[in-house]
Amino acid sequence: MRSSRHQPWKFALAAGVIFQILLAIRARASTYVVYIPLDSPIYDELEELNGLGYLDTYLDEAKPISRVEAARLTIEAAGKLNDSGHYEPLARAAVRTLAQQLREEISWLRHDAEDDQPTMVEPIDRIEGEYIYSAGQSRYWKVNQNSQIFTQEQTPLLPYNDGLPTSSGSNEILRAGGWAGFAGFLTGYGEGAVAGPVTKGVPNVSRAQLLGSEVVASFGNVAISFGQHERWWGTGYFAPLSQGDNAMPFWGLTIDNIHPSYMPGFLRYLGPSRRELFIGQGDGDKYWTHPWIIGHNIVFKPLPWFELGATRAIMLGGAHNDNYNFMGFLGKATGINTGSISSGQTNSRGGFYLKFYFPGLRNTQIYQEMLGEDNLTKEIPGIGRFMPFLAVSYQGGVYVPRLTKDGLTDFRFEYTILETNYSTHADPLYWTYEGQLMGDALGPNATEVDLQIGRWLEHSHKISLRFFYTEQAPGYAGDQSYPFKFYPYALSKEHSAGAMLDLSSLPTSLKRLKQLHPDFLGDWHAKIAIEYASNLNYQAGAHSFRTMIFLSTSVMPNWNFHF
C-alpha cells in the first residue's frame, strides 16, 4: 500500500464518502456538535467550577469539548451550587457567564430537545482581535547524525497559539468563527485567522490561516468528524506532554463521545469516561511526506476523588517509507506488528496519567503523567510492542484552588522533565507539524518548573503572576559525541528564567451594543512576559532578553437563525 503522498485529496474524498453514508443512515438520537476552541474563556470558567468543587463529571484531560457538553456541565454546576446552600459569588458568576455564552444549548437540554433541533446558523460565534509584540531570538532545533528534528519556535513566550505566524516586533491577529447545523445531526463549524504584521507578511507563511474547522455528524452519544481538530491531552496545565495546540491542527478523521459515558459490563466500575480516536496525516515539507498519524486518548473517573487515563499515538508511513501492504499498515497502526525498518519506520508515543482530589485540603489537586516514546519490543516482551517505553518523559503538579478560604486565590506548581529523545526520530517521524512541535513546546532534553499564584478581583477579573525556570541540554537524540553539522559553534547547556503577568476578565454584557443585539458579550485578556536566557540555542555566551506583550479583546454576538 502506498501513502497518499502529494494527493491529500484522496483522504478528503474518503472522508466525504463516509459522511455521505452517514447522511443515509441518520440515527434517531442526534444533536449539533460544535467543538470549543482551546483559547475560549469557557475552559477557564469550567476549570474554576471544577476546582471549587461544583463539577463531578468534567474530565479536562480530553479537550476540546463540545458546546452542548459545556452546557450540560453548566447545568450540573448550577444544580450542585444550589443544593450546597452556599453563597459563593465567584462560582455563581462563572455559572452565570457560562449560561450567557451557552444559552442556546442549555435551552435544548432543559427542554429535552437536544436531539430535536431545526436547521440553524450562527454566522459569527466569536470574533477576536489580538496584538502581539515579540522581541528576542527564537529557539530552534536542528539535526544530528542519528535522529532528527527540524522545528523553530513561532512566538517567543507565547506557545500554544495554533502555530499562528508572527514576526519580531508588532503583530496583529484577527480571529473569527461560526457554525451551522443541518437536519438535526450534521454540523459544520470553522475558525479562521489573519495573522502577522499589518505592514508586512511573515516570510514563507500565508497570512490567512484556517483553524479548528470540521464537519461533524452525531449519532446518539458518538460524534464522527472530519477536518482540523484541536487537541489538548493529559493533565498538564502550562504544557501538554502528548498532543497540544502549539502547532496548527492537522487534517484528519476523529471519533469521540459527546458526553461522558460508561463502559459495558464490569468495566462500568471505571466510572464515567471520555474517549477520542483519530487518524490524520502530517505535512509534506520533508523527503518522507504525509506520514499517517493515529492516536487514542481515554480518561476515567472511577471515584469522585480519582481520575486516570492513557494516551497512545503512532506515526508511520508516508512517501519513501511505505513498503508494506494493507495488512502491514494495520499491523503498524495497532502496534501488533510494526515490521522492520526496511518496510517502513514508525514512531510511537504512549503514556498514563493520574489525578487525585483532596476536598479536605482546600480542594487540592495532585496530578502525574508519564509519556514514553518509541518501542522496546525486545526489552519488554509481550507489551513492548504496544506501549512505548524507550524515552520516558514526566510531568506533574499541584493545584490549590482555594489557597484562601473564599476561593478567590489559587496556586499552581508544575514540573516537566523531557527525555533526550522526546519528539525525535528518523526523518520525518518526529512530532512536528508545519515546523512546530505538536506536544510540549520546550523540546527534547529539557526541564521546566512553573509557579503561579492567581487572585480574582470583584468576581469578574483575574490577575495571575507566574514564574518559570527552564534548562535545555544539547545532545538530544542520544549522541553527545557527534558534531552537530547544523550548529557552527561548540554547544553549551541553555538556562532561562522569567515571569509572566496574566490578566483576564469573565465575558460580560456589552451595554453599548444592545441596539444590535441584547445578548452581546465581550471579554479581554492581557499577558506581559520577560525572560532571560543564557546560551540560547546551545551557543556559549549567547545571552538574550526575550519579551512578549499579548493583548486580546473578543465579542460574542449570540446571533442564531433558525430555519
Protein backbone atom coordinates (compact mmCIF):
# COMPACT_ATOMS: atom_id res chain seq x y z
CA MET A 1 0.00 0.00 0.00
CA ARG A 2 1.29 3.43 -0.92
CA SER A 3 0.54 6.54 1.12
CA SER A 4 -1.35 9.46 -0.38
CA ARG A 5 1.92 11.35 -0.93
CA HIS A 6 1.15 14.51 -2.84
CA GLN A 7 -2.56 13.64 -3.23
CA PRO A 8 -4.25 14.55 0.10
CA TRP A 9 -7.48 14.85 -1.90
CA LYS A 10 -7.81 11.07 -1.60
CA PHE A 11 -8.10 11.44 2.16
CA ALA A 12 -10.70 14.19 1.79
CA LEU A 13 -12.62 12.16 -0.80
CA ALA A 14 -12.69 9.12 1.50
CA ALA A 15 -13.99 11.27 4.35
CA GLY A 16 -16.63 12.71 2.02
CA VAL A 17 -17.83 9.23 1.12
CA ILE A 18 -18.05 8.35 4.82
CA PHE A 19 -20.21 11.38 5.51
CA GLN A 20 -22.48 10.54 2.57
CA ILE A 21 -23.03 7.12 4.14
CA LEU A 22 -23.70 8.73 7.49
CA LEU A 23 -26.28 11.03 5.93
CA ALA A 24 -28.06 8.00 4.55
CA ILE A 25 -28.22 6.19 7.90
CA ARG A 26 -29.04 9.09 10.20
CA ALA A 27 -29.58 7.88 13.75
CA ARG A 28 -32.74 8.78 15.65
CA ALA A 29 -30.86 10.34 18.58
CA SER A 30 -28.58 13.11 17.40
CA THR A 31 -27.59 16.69 18.08
CA TYR A 32 -25.38 19.52 16.88
CA VAL A 33 -21.75 19.15 17.96
CA VAL A 34 -19.56 22.26 17.82
CA TYR A 35 -16.13 21.91 19.41
CA ILE A 36 -15.00 24.88 21.51
CA PRO A 37 -11.63 26.43 20.51
CA LEU A 38 -8.95 25.84 23.13
CA ASP A 39 -8.43 29.57 23.71
CA SER A 40 -12.09 30.08 24.67
CA PRO A 41 -12.80 31.51 28.16
CA ILE A 42 -15.32 28.69 28.64
CA TYR A 43 -12.49 26.36 29.70
CA ASP A 44 -11.28 28.82 32.35
CA GLU A 45 -14.78 29.08 33.80
CA LEU A 46 -15.28 25.31 33.87
CA GLU A 47 -11.88 24.89 35.50
CA GLU A 48 -12.84 27.35 38.24
CA LEU A 49 -16.09 25.49 38.93
CA ASN A 50 -14.28 22.15 38.92
CA GLY A 51 -11.62 23.48 41.29
CA LEU A 52 -14.21 24.93 43.66
CA GLY A 53 -15.92 21.52 43.83
CA TYR A 54 -19.08 22.14 41.78
CA LEU A 55 -18.43 19.68 38.93
CA ASP A 56 -18.40 15.89 39.26
CA THR A 57 -18.08 14.79 35.61
CA TYR A 58 -15.74 17.32 33.98
CA LEU A 59 -12.84 15.31 32.55
CA ASP A 60 -10.48 18.03 31.37
CA GLU A 61 -7.75 15.63 30.26
CA ALA A 62 -9.56 15.26 26.92
CA LYS A 63 -10.07 18.60 25.21
CA PRO A 64 -11.71 20.11 23.26
CA ILE A 65 -15.25 19.51 24.39
CA SER A 66 -18.41 20.49 22.52
CA ARG A 67 -20.71 23.39 23.29
CA VAL A 68 -23.53 21.04 24.22
CA GLU A 69 -21.25 19.20 26.68
CA ALA A 70 -20.21 22.52 28.23
CA ALA A 71 -23.92 23.35 28.55
CA ARG A 72 -24.52 20.05 30.38
CA LEU A 73 -21.66 20.85 32.76
CA THR A 74 -23.09 24.33 33.38
CA ILE A 75 -26.42 22.81 34.40
CA GLU A 76 -24.59 20.31 36.62
CA ALA A 77 -22.62 23.06 38.36
CA ALA A 78 -25.72 25.24 38.84
CA GLY A 79 -27.60 22.33 40.42
CA LYS A 80 -24.79 21.41 42.76
CA LEU A 81 -24.25 25.04 43.73
CA ASN A 82 -27.93 25.47 44.59
CA ASP A 83 -28.00 22.19 46.53
CA SER A 84 -24.94 23.19 48.55
CA GLY A 85 -26.74 26.11 50.16
CA HIS A 86 -23.51 28.12 49.96
CA TYR A 87 -23.42 31.66 48.69
CA GLU A 88 -20.22 31.65 46.67
CA PRO A 89 -20.12 34.74 44.43
CA LEU A 90 -17.27 33.53 42.18
CA ALA A 91 -18.98 30.21 41.41
CA ARG A 92 -22.28 31.97 40.73
CA ALA A 93 -20.54 34.48 38.44
CA ALA A 94 -18.91 31.62 36.49
CA VAL A 95 -22.25 29.79 36.12
CA ARG A 96 -23.96 33.00 35.05
CA THR A 97 -21.44 33.85 32.33
CA LEU A 98 -21.44 30.25 31.06
CA ALA A 99 -25.22 30.38 30.86
CA GLN A 100 -24.97 33.53 28.75
CA GLN A 101 -22.42 32.01 26.35
CA LEU A 102 -24.26 28.70 26.02
CA ARG A 103 -27.83 29.96 26.15
CA GLU A 104 -28.97 28.03 23.07
CA GLU A 105 -27.54 24.65 24.11
CA ILE A 106 -28.72 24.99 27.71
CA SER A 107 -32.23 25.58 26.38
CA TRP A 108 -32.03 22.32 24.40
CA LEU A 109 -31.09 20.34 27.49
CA ARG A 110 -33.61 21.96 29.83
CA HIS A 111 -36.45 21.31 27.39
CA ASP A 112 -35.24 17.79 26.49
CA ALA A 113 -34.74 18.94 22.90
CA GLU A 114 -31.05 18.14 22.42
CA ASP A 115 -31.99 15.57 19.77
CA ASP A 116 -34.70 17.57 18.05
CA GLN A 117 -33.30 20.77 16.60
CA PRO A 118 -34.14 22.60 13.36
CA THR A 119 -31.57 23.74 10.84
CA MET A 120 -29.81 26.77 12.29
CA VAL A 121 -26.90 29.09 11.57
CA GLU A 122 -24.72 31.13 13.92
CA PRO A 123 -22.63 33.09 11.40
CA ILE A 124 -20.31 34.65 13.99
CA ASP A 125 -19.88 32.73 17.21
CA ARG A 126 -16.87 34.74 18.37
CA ILE A 127 -14.63 37.39 16.83
CA GLU A 128 -11.32 38.25 18.47
CA GLY A 129 -8.66 40.87 17.83
CA GLU A 130 -5.13 40.33 19.15
CA TYR A 131 -1.99 42.42 19.35
CA ILE A 132 1.32 40.64 19.93
CA TYR A 133 4.67 42.31 20.48
CA SER A 134 7.63 39.96 20.49
CA ALA A 135 11.34 40.67 20.94
CA GLY A 136 14.29 38.34 21.30
CA GLN A 137 15.70 35.39 19.42
CA SER A 138 13.56 32.29 18.88
CA ARG A 139 14.60 28.80 19.91
CA TYR A 140 15.22 26.31 17.14
CA TRP A 141 16.08 22.62 16.93
CA LYS A 142 18.13 21.03 14.15
CA VAL A 143 19.57 17.67 13.24
CA ASN A 144 22.38 15.36 14.31
CA GLN A 145 23.75 12.15 12.84
CA ASN A 146 21.36 9.53 14.21
CA SER A 147 17.97 11.08 14.85
CA GLN A 148 16.35 14.18 13.53
CA ILE A 149 14.11 17.08 14.41
CA PHE A 150 13.62 20.29 12.47
CA THR A 151 11.48 22.97 14.10
CA GLN A 152 11.54 26.56 15.29
CA GLU A 153 9.65 28.43 17.99
CA GLN A 154 6.90 30.51 16.43
CA THR A 155 6.49 33.30 19.00
CA PRO A 156 8.85 33.53 22.00
CA LEU A 157 6.95 33.25 25.30
CA LEU A 158 3.62 32.62 23.53
CA PRO A 159 3.37 28.92 22.68
CA TYR A 160 0.09 27.02 22.17
CA ASN A 161 -1.41 29.61 19.84
CA ASP A 162 -2.29 27.22 16.97
CA GLY A 163 1.02 27.91 15.23
CA LEU A 164 -0.17 31.32 14.02
CA PRO A 165 2.67 33.11 12.19
CA THR A 166 4.29 36.16 13.79
CA SER A 167 7.46 38.19 13.29
CA SER A 168 9.72 40.05 15.66
CA GLY A 169 8.09 43.32 16.70
CA SER A 170 4.40 44.16 16.38
CA ASN A 171 1.85 41.68 15.06
CA GLU A 172 -1.89 41.90 14.61
CA ILE A 173 -4.25 38.92 14.52
CA LEU A 174 -7.94 38.76 13.74
CA ARG A 175 -9.77 35.52 14.51
CA ALA A 176 -13.41 34.71 13.83
CA GLY A 177 -15.55 31.59 13.94
CA GLY A 178 -19.10 30.45 13.33
CA TRP A 179 -21.16 27.31 12.86
CA ALA A 180 -24.25 25.87 11.26
CA GLY A 181 -26.39 22.79 11.97
CA PHE A 182 -28.32 20.82 9.36
CA ALA A 183 -31.02 18.15 9.58
CA GLY A 184 -30.68 17.85 13.35
CA PHE A 185 -27.41 15.92 13.39
CA LEU A 186 -24.86 17.36 10.93
CA THR A 187 -22.75 20.35 11.96
CA GLY A 188 -20.20 22.45 10.16
CA TYR A 189 -18.07 24.91 12.08
CA GLY A 190 -14.91 26.80 11.44
CA GLU A 191 -12.48 29.38 12.75
CA GLY A 192 -10.19 31.43 10.55
CA ALA A 193 -7.41 33.88 11.32
CA VAL A 194 -5.45 36.60 9.59
CA ALA A 195 -2.08 36.91 11.33
CA GLY A 196 1.20 38.76 11.13
CA PRO A 197 2.38 42.37 10.94
CA VAL A 198 -0.02 44.66 9.09
CA THR A 199 2.78 46.29 7.11
CA LYS A 200 4.46 43.05 6.03
CA GLY A 201 3.84 39.35 5.92
CA VAL A 202 5.76 36.58 7.67
CA PRO A 203 8.23 35.10 5.15
CA ASN A 204 7.17 31.82 3.53
CA VAL A 205 3.92 31.68 5.53
CA SER A 206 0.41 32.54 4.40
CA ARG A 207 -1.17 35.41 6.31
CA ALA A 208 -4.61 33.73 6.24
CA GLN A 209 -4.98 30.52 8.26
CA LEU A 210 -7.85 28.07 8.74
CA LEU A 211 -8.08 26.74 12.31
CA GLY A 212 -10.23 24.14 14.02
CA SER A 213 -12.67 23.67 11.14
CA GLU A 214 -14.70 20.47 10.83
CA VAL A 215 -17.82 18.75 9.63
CA VAL A 216 -19.35 16.68 12.44
CA ALA A 217 -22.07 14.03 12.39
CA SER A 218 -23.53 12.86 15.70
CA PHE A 219 -25.20 9.50 16.31
CA GLY A 220 -26.53 9.14 19.83
CA ASN A 221 -23.55 10.00 22.03
CA VAL A 222 -20.96 9.43 19.29
CA ALA A 223 -19.52 12.23 17.15
CA ILE A 224 -17.66 11.48 13.91
CA SER A 225 -15.87 14.45 12.38
CA PHE A 226 -13.51 15.31 9.57
CA GLY A 227 -11.35 18.41 9.49
CA GLN A 228 -8.87 20.29 11.65
CA HIS A 229 -9.46 19.14 15.22
CA GLU A 230 -7.59 20.89 18.03
CA ARG A 231 -6.32 18.66 20.86
CA TRP A 232 -5.00 19.03 24.39
CA TRP A 233 -4.47 15.68 26.07
CA GLY A 234 -3.41 14.86 29.62
CA THR A 235 -3.09 16.63 32.95
CA GLY A 236 -0.64 19.42 32.03
CA TYR A 237 -1.83 22.99 32.57
CA PHE A 238 1.10 25.03 31.24
CA ALA A 239 2.08 22.49 28.58
CA PRO A 240 0.87 19.12 27.24
CA LEU A 241 3.12 16.07 27.01
CA SER A 242 1.33 14.24 24.22
CA GLN A 243 -0.90 16.38 21.99
CA GLY A 244 -1.44 20.14 22.17
CA ASP A 245 -2.12 23.22 20.08
CA ASN A 246 1.41 24.57 19.76
CA ALA A 247 1.25 23.60 16.08
CA MET A 248 -1.53 24.23 13.62
CA PRO A 249 -4.17 21.45 13.79
CA PHE A 250 -3.76 18.84 11.06
CA TRP A 251 -6.49 17.34 8.91
CA GLY A 252 -7.96 14.04 9.97
CA LEU A 253 -10.92 11.89 10.99
CA THR A 254 -11.94 11.89 14.68
CA ILE A 255 -14.39 9.77 16.68
CA ASP A 256 -15.28 10.60 20.28
CA ASN A 257 -18.14 10.54 22.77
CA ILE A 258 -20.00 13.82 23.23
CA HIS A 259 -20.89 13.37 26.92
CA PRO A 260 -19.10 11.10 29.43
CA SER A 261 -20.36 7.54 29.23
CA TYR A 262 -19.81 4.18 30.93
CA MET A 263 -18.01 1.14 29.56
CA PRO A 264 -20.04 -2.10 29.21
CA GLY A 265 -20.19 -4.91 31.75
CA PHE A 266 -17.93 -4.91 34.79
CA LEU A 267 -15.87 -2.10 33.20
CA ARG A 268 -18.73 0.15 34.26
CA TYR A 269 -16.96 0.39 37.63
CA LEU A 270 -14.28 2.51 35.94
CA GLY A 271 -16.84 5.30 36.09
CA PRO A 272 -17.72 7.95 33.51
CA SER A 273 -15.21 8.22 30.70
CA ARG A 274 -14.27 10.33 27.69
CA ARG A 275 -12.65 8.72 24.64
CA GLU A 276 -11.14 10.07 21.43
CA LEU A 277 -9.70 8.23 18.43
CA PHE A 278 -8.24 9.95 15.37
CA ILE A 279 -6.40 9.24 12.13
CA GLY A 280 -4.77 12.00 10.11
CA GLN A 281 -1.71 12.89 8.07
CA GLY A 282 1.32 15.06 8.65
CA ASP A 283 2.73 17.72 6.37
CA GLY A 284 4.72 17.35 3.17
CA ASP A 285 7.77 19.52 3.81
CA LYS A 286 10.27 16.69 4.12
CA TYR A 287 11.68 13.87 1.98
CA TRP A 288 9.23 11.45 3.61
CA THR A 289 5.96 13.31 3.13
CA HIS A 290 2.50 13.00 4.68
CA PRO A 291 3.11 10.31 7.33
CA TRP A 292 -0.02 8.83 8.89
CA ILE A 293 -0.74 9.83 12.49
CA ILE A 294 -3.12 7.67 14.55
CA GLY A 295 -3.95 8.34 18.18
CA HIS A 296 -6.21 7.43 21.09
CA ASN A 297 -6.94 9.08 24.44
CA ILE A 298 -9.19 7.68 27.17
CA VAL A 299 -9.88 9.01 30.66
CA PHE A 300 -11.96 7.53 33.51
CA LYS A 301 -13.25 8.78 36.86
CA PRO A 302 -13.82 5.62 38.95
CA LEU A 303 -14.07 7.60 42.22
CA PRO A 304 -15.14 11.18 42.99
CA TRP A 305 -11.56 11.94 44.04
CA PHE A 306 -9.62 10.00 41.40
CA GLU A 307 -9.15 10.19 37.61
CA LEU A 308 -6.88 8.12 35.40
CA GLY A 309 -6.25 7.85 31.71
CA ALA A 310 -3.96 6.74 28.92
CA THR A 311 -2.83 8.11 25.58
CA ARG A 312 -1.27 6.42 22.59
CA ALA A 313 -0.27 7.74 19.18
CA ILE A 314 1.82 6.36 16.33
CA MET A 315 3.32 7.98 13.25
CA LEU A 316 4.01 5.75 10.25
CA GLY A 317 4.27 5.54 6.50
CA GLY A 318 4.44 8.39 4.06
CA ALA A 319 6.28 8.66 0.76
CA HIS A 320 9.55 6.64 0.68
CA ASN A 321 8.54 4.96 3.96
CA ASP A 322 5.63 2.72 2.94
CA ASN A 323 6.94 -0.58 1.63
CA TYR A 324 4.03 -2.59 3.06
CA ASN A 325 0.57 -3.85 2.11
CA PHE A 326 -2.77 -3.18 3.78
CA MET A 327 -2.23 -5.79 6.49
CA GLY A 328 1.18 -4.27 7.12
CA PHE A 329 -0.48 -0.90 7.58
CA LEU A 330 -2.90 -2.38 10.14
CA GLY A 331 -0.04 -4.07 11.98
CA LYS A 332 1.88 -0.83 12.28
CA ALA A 333 -1.17 1.27 13.13
CA THR A 334 -2.20 -1.01 16.00
CA GLY A 335 1.35 -1.78 17.16
CA ILE A 336 0.68 -5.53 16.94
CA ASN A 337 3.34 -5.94 14.28
CA THR A 338 5.38 -2.87 13.38
CA GLY A 339 7.50 -4.89 10.95
CA SER A 340 11.05 -3.95 10.03
CA ILE A 341 12.76 -0.66 9.18
CA SER A 342 13.00 -1.76 5.57
CA SER A 343 9.19 -1.97 5.31
CA GLY A 344 8.65 1.43 6.90
CA GLN A 345 9.68 3.13 10.12
CA THR A 346 7.24 4.00 12.90
CA ASN A 347 7.44 6.29 15.94
CA SER A 348 5.08 5.73 18.87
CA ARG A 349 4.05 7.76 21.89
CA GLY A 350 2.14 6.38 24.82
CA GLY A 351 1.57 7.27 28.42
CA PHE A 352 -0.52 7.22 31.56
CA TYR A 353 -1.81 9.96 33.83
CA LEU A 354 -3.40 10.18 37.27
CA LYS A 355 -5.18 12.97 39.13
CA PHE A 356 -6.18 13.00 42.80
CA TYR A 357 -8.61 15.41 44.51
CA PHE A 358 -8.39 16.26 48.22
CA PRO A 359 -11.59 18.15 49.19
CA GLY A 360 -10.48 18.42 52.83
CA LEU A 361 -7.27 20.21 51.79
CA ARG A 362 -8.79 23.26 50.11
CA ASN A 363 -9.85 21.11 47.12
CA THR A 364 -6.18 20.48 46.28
CA GLN A 365 -5.44 18.50 43.11
CA ILE A 366 -2.27 16.46 42.58
CA TYR A 367 -1.52 15.02 39.16
CA GLN A 368 1.21 12.99 37.48
CA GLU A 369 1.78 11.95 33.88
CA MET A 370 4.43 9.88 32.12
CA LEU A 371 4.92 9.56 28.38
CA GLY A 372 7.18 7.11 26.57
CA GLU A 373 8.35 7.38 23.00
CA ASP A 374 9.31 4.59 20.59
CA ASN A 375 9.21 0.86 21.30
CA LEU A 376 11.14 -1.58 23.45
CA THR A 377 9.77 -4.72 21.81
CA LYS A 378 12.81 -6.84 22.69
CA GLU A 379 13.50 -5.32 26.11
CA ILE A 380 9.92 -5.78 27.39
CA PRO A 381 8.48 -8.90 25.75
CA GLY A 382 4.75 -9.06 25.25
CA ILE A 383 3.76 -5.45 25.91
CA GLY A 384 6.79 -3.67 24.47
CA ARG A 385 5.22 -3.69 21.02
CA PHE A 386 2.05 -2.00 22.26
CA MET A 387 3.35 0.73 24.57
CA PRO A 388 6.49 2.81 24.04
CA PHE A 389 8.90 2.87 26.98
CA LEU A 390 12.22 3.86 25.40
CA ALA A 391 12.29 7.60 26.09
CA VAL A 392 10.17 8.39 29.15
CA SER A 393 9.24 11.99 29.98
CA TYR A 394 7.47 13.11 33.15
CA GLN A 395 5.11 15.87 34.14
CA GLY A 396 3.34 16.52 37.41
CA GLY A 397 1.94 19.24 39.57
CA VAL A 398 -0.18 20.57 42.38
CA TYR A 399 -3.15 22.91 42.05
CA VAL A 400 -4.73 24.55 45.12
CA PRO A 401 -7.99 26.24 44.01
CA ARG A 402 -8.74 27.60 47.50
CA LEU A 403 -5.42 28.94 48.69
CA THR A 404 -7.62 31.34 50.62
CA LYS A 405 -10.85 30.03 52.11
CA ASP A 406 -13.02 32.30 49.94
CA GLY A 407 -11.77 30.57 46.78
CA LEU A 408 -10.57 33.84 45.24
CA THR A 409 -6.86 32.97 45.39
CA ASP A 410 -5.30 29.89 43.79
CA PHE A 411 -1.82 28.43 43.46
CA ARG A 412 -0.17 26.16 40.88
CA PHE A 413 3.09 24.26 40.72
CA GLU A 414 4.05 22.17 37.70
CA TYR A 415 7.25 20.45 36.60
CA THR A 416 8.22 18.82 33.32
CA ILE A 417 11.21 16.58 32.50
CA LEU A 418 11.55 15.88 28.77
CA GLU A 419 13.74 12.94 27.84
CA THR A 420 16.62 13.17 25.38
CA ASN A 421 14.65 11.51 22.57
CA TYR A 422 11.37 13.37 23.19
CA SER A 423 9.74 14.20 19.83
CA THR A 424 12.78 12.97 17.85
CA HIS A 425 13.12 10.10 15.39
CA ALA A 426 14.41 9.29 11.94
CA ASP A 427 13.26 11.55 9.10
CA PRO A 428 10.46 12.59 9.15
CA LEU A 429 8.76 10.76 12.02
CA TYR A 430 9.30 13.40 14.67
CA TRP A 431 6.36 15.05 16.34
CA THR A 432 6.09 18.33 14.45
CA TYR A 433 3.56 19.78 12.04
CA GLU A 434 4.24 22.74 9.75
CA GLY A 435 7.51 23.37 11.57
CA GLN A 436 6.04 23.41 15.11
CA LEU A 437 6.31 20.90 17.95
CA MET A 438 2.99 19.11 18.49
CA GLY A 439 3.43 18.42 22.21
CA ASP A 440 5.48 20.36 24.75
CA ALA A 441 6.94 23.46 23.08
CA LEU A 442 10.15 23.31 25.13
CA GLY A 443 11.56 20.46 23.02
CA PRO A 444 13.77 17.46 23.85
CA ASN A 445 16.29 17.03 26.69
CA ALA A 446 14.78 19.81 28.77
CA THR A 447 13.34 20.61 32.19
CA GLU A 448 10.83 23.26 33.24
CA VAL A 449 9.42 24.37 36.60
CA ASP A 450 6.41 26.73 36.87
CA LEU A 451 4.91 28.53 39.87
CA GLN A 452 1.78 30.66 39.59
CA ILE A 453 -0.45 32.48 42.04
CA GLY A 454 -3.77 33.99 40.95
CA ARG A 455 -6.36 36.26 42.54
CA TRP A 456 -9.92 37.14 41.47
CA LEU A 457 -10.95 40.77 41.75
CA GLU A 458 -14.65 41.62 42.15
CA HIS A 459 -15.52 38.08 40.98
CA SER A 460 -15.09 39.13 37.34
CA HIS A 461 -11.38 39.87 36.75
CA LYS A 462 -8.38 37.70 37.49
CA ILE A 463 -4.71 38.59 37.86
CA SER A 464 -2.04 35.87 37.91
CA LEU A 465 1.72 36.06 38.36
CA ARG A 466 3.78 33.17 37.03
CA PHE A 467 7.49 32.42 37.46
CA PHE A 468 9.27 29.82 35.36
CA TYR A 469 12.72 28.30 35.02
CA THR A 470 13.97 26.08 32.18
CA GLU A 471 17.07 24.12 31.28
CA GLN A 472 17.83 22.55 27.93
CA ALA A 473 20.90 20.50 27.10
CA PRO A 474 22.45 19.70 23.72
CA GLY A 475 22.95 16.10 22.71
CA TYR A 476 19.31 15.23 22.20
CA ALA A 477 18.81 12.04 20.23
CA GLY A 478 21.38 10.38 22.48
CA ASP A 479 24.59 11.26 20.64
CA GLN A 480 26.80 13.62 22.63
CA SER A 481 29.97 12.94 20.67
CA TYR A 482 28.93 13.60 17.09
CA PRO A 483 29.48 17.23 15.99
CA PHE A 484 26.13 18.81 15.13
CA LYS A 485 26.64 19.75 11.49
CA PHE A 486 23.96 22.46 11.56
CA TYR A 487 25.45 24.27 14.58
CA PRO A 488 28.58 26.22 13.58
CA TYR A 489 29.76 26.56 17.19
CA ALA A 490 30.55 24.49 20.26
CA LEU A 491 27.43 23.57 22.22
CA SER A 492 26.61 24.51 25.81
CA LYS A 493 23.70 23.93 28.15
CA GLU A 494 20.93 26.54 27.98
CA HIS A 495 19.30 28.13 31.04
CA SER A 496 16.44 30.58 31.26
CA ALA A 497 14.28 32.24 33.89
CA GLY A 498 11.32 34.53 33.52
CA ALA A 499 8.00 35.83 34.73
CA MET A 500 4.58 36.46 33.21
CA LEU A 501 1.76 38.71 34.37
CA ASP A 502 -1.64 37.46 33.17
CA LEU A 503 -4.85 39.49 33.40
CA SER A 504 -8.27 38.44 32.15
CA SER A 505 -11.99 39.10 32.54
CA LEU A 506 -15.10 36.99 32.51
CA PRO A 507 -17.33 37.64 29.48
CA THR A 508 -19.88 40.33 30.32
CA SER A 509 -22.77 42.01 28.53
CA LEU A 510 -21.78 44.90 26.27
CA LYS A 511 -24.36 47.55 27.03
CA ARG A 512 -23.24 49.82 24.20
CA LEU A 513 -24.06 47.11 21.63
CA LYS A 514 -27.54 46.30 22.92
CA GLN A 515 -29.07 48.10 19.95
CA LEU A 516 -27.55 45.43 17.68
CA HIS A 517 -28.44 42.53 19.96
CA PRO A 518 -29.39 42.41 23.65
CA ASP A 519 -27.08 39.48 24.39
CA PHE A 520 -23.75 40.74 23.03
CA LEU A 521 -20.91 39.55 25.29
CA GLY A 522 -17.32 40.70 25.41
CA ASP A 523 -14.11 39.93 27.28
CA TRP A 524 -10.44 40.88 27.30
CA HIS A 525 -7.13 39.20 28.07
CA ALA A 526 -3.58 40.54 28.51
CA LYS A 527 -0.18 38.91 29.08
CA ILE A 528 3.19 40.54 29.67
CA ALA A 529 6.24 38.28 29.88
CA ILE A 530 10.01 38.67 30.15
CA GLU A 531 12.71 36.01 30.11
CA TYR A 532 16.49 35.99 30.40
CA ALA A 533 18.17 33.12 28.54
CA SER A 534 21.83 32.18 28.64
CA ASN A 535 23.48 30.07 25.95
CA LEU A 536 20.34 30.33 23.85
CA ASN A 537 20.21 27.60 21.18
CA TYR A 538 23.21 25.99 22.90
CA GLN A 539 25.57 28.79 21.85
CA ALA A 540 28.02 29.66 24.63
CA GLY A 541 27.80 33.32 25.59
CA ALA A 542 24.61 33.94 23.59
CA HIS A 543 22.67 35.75 26.31
CA SER A 544 19.31 37.24 25.40
CA PHE A 545 16.37 39.09 26.94
CA ARG A 546 13.11 37.90 25.42
CA THR A 547 9.91 39.86 25.90
CA MET A 548 6.30 39.42 24.83
CA ILE A 549 3.14 41.50 25.13
CA PHE A 550 -0.23 39.97 24.28
CA LEU A 551 -3.46 41.97 24.21
CA SER A 552 -6.79 40.49 23.18
CA THR A 553 -10.42 41.51 23.13
CA SER A 554 -13.31 39.47 21.80
CA VAL A 555 -17.02 39.81 21.12
CA MET A 556 -19.61 37.02 21.18
CA PRO A 557 -22.68 38.28 19.28
CA ASN A 558 -25.01 35.36 20.10
CA TRP A 559 -26.66 35.63 16.69
CA ASN A 560 -28.62 32.49 15.91
CA PHE A 561 -31.01 31.96 12.98
CA HIS A 562 -33.43 29.02 12.84
CA PHE A 563 -34.97 27.72 9.62
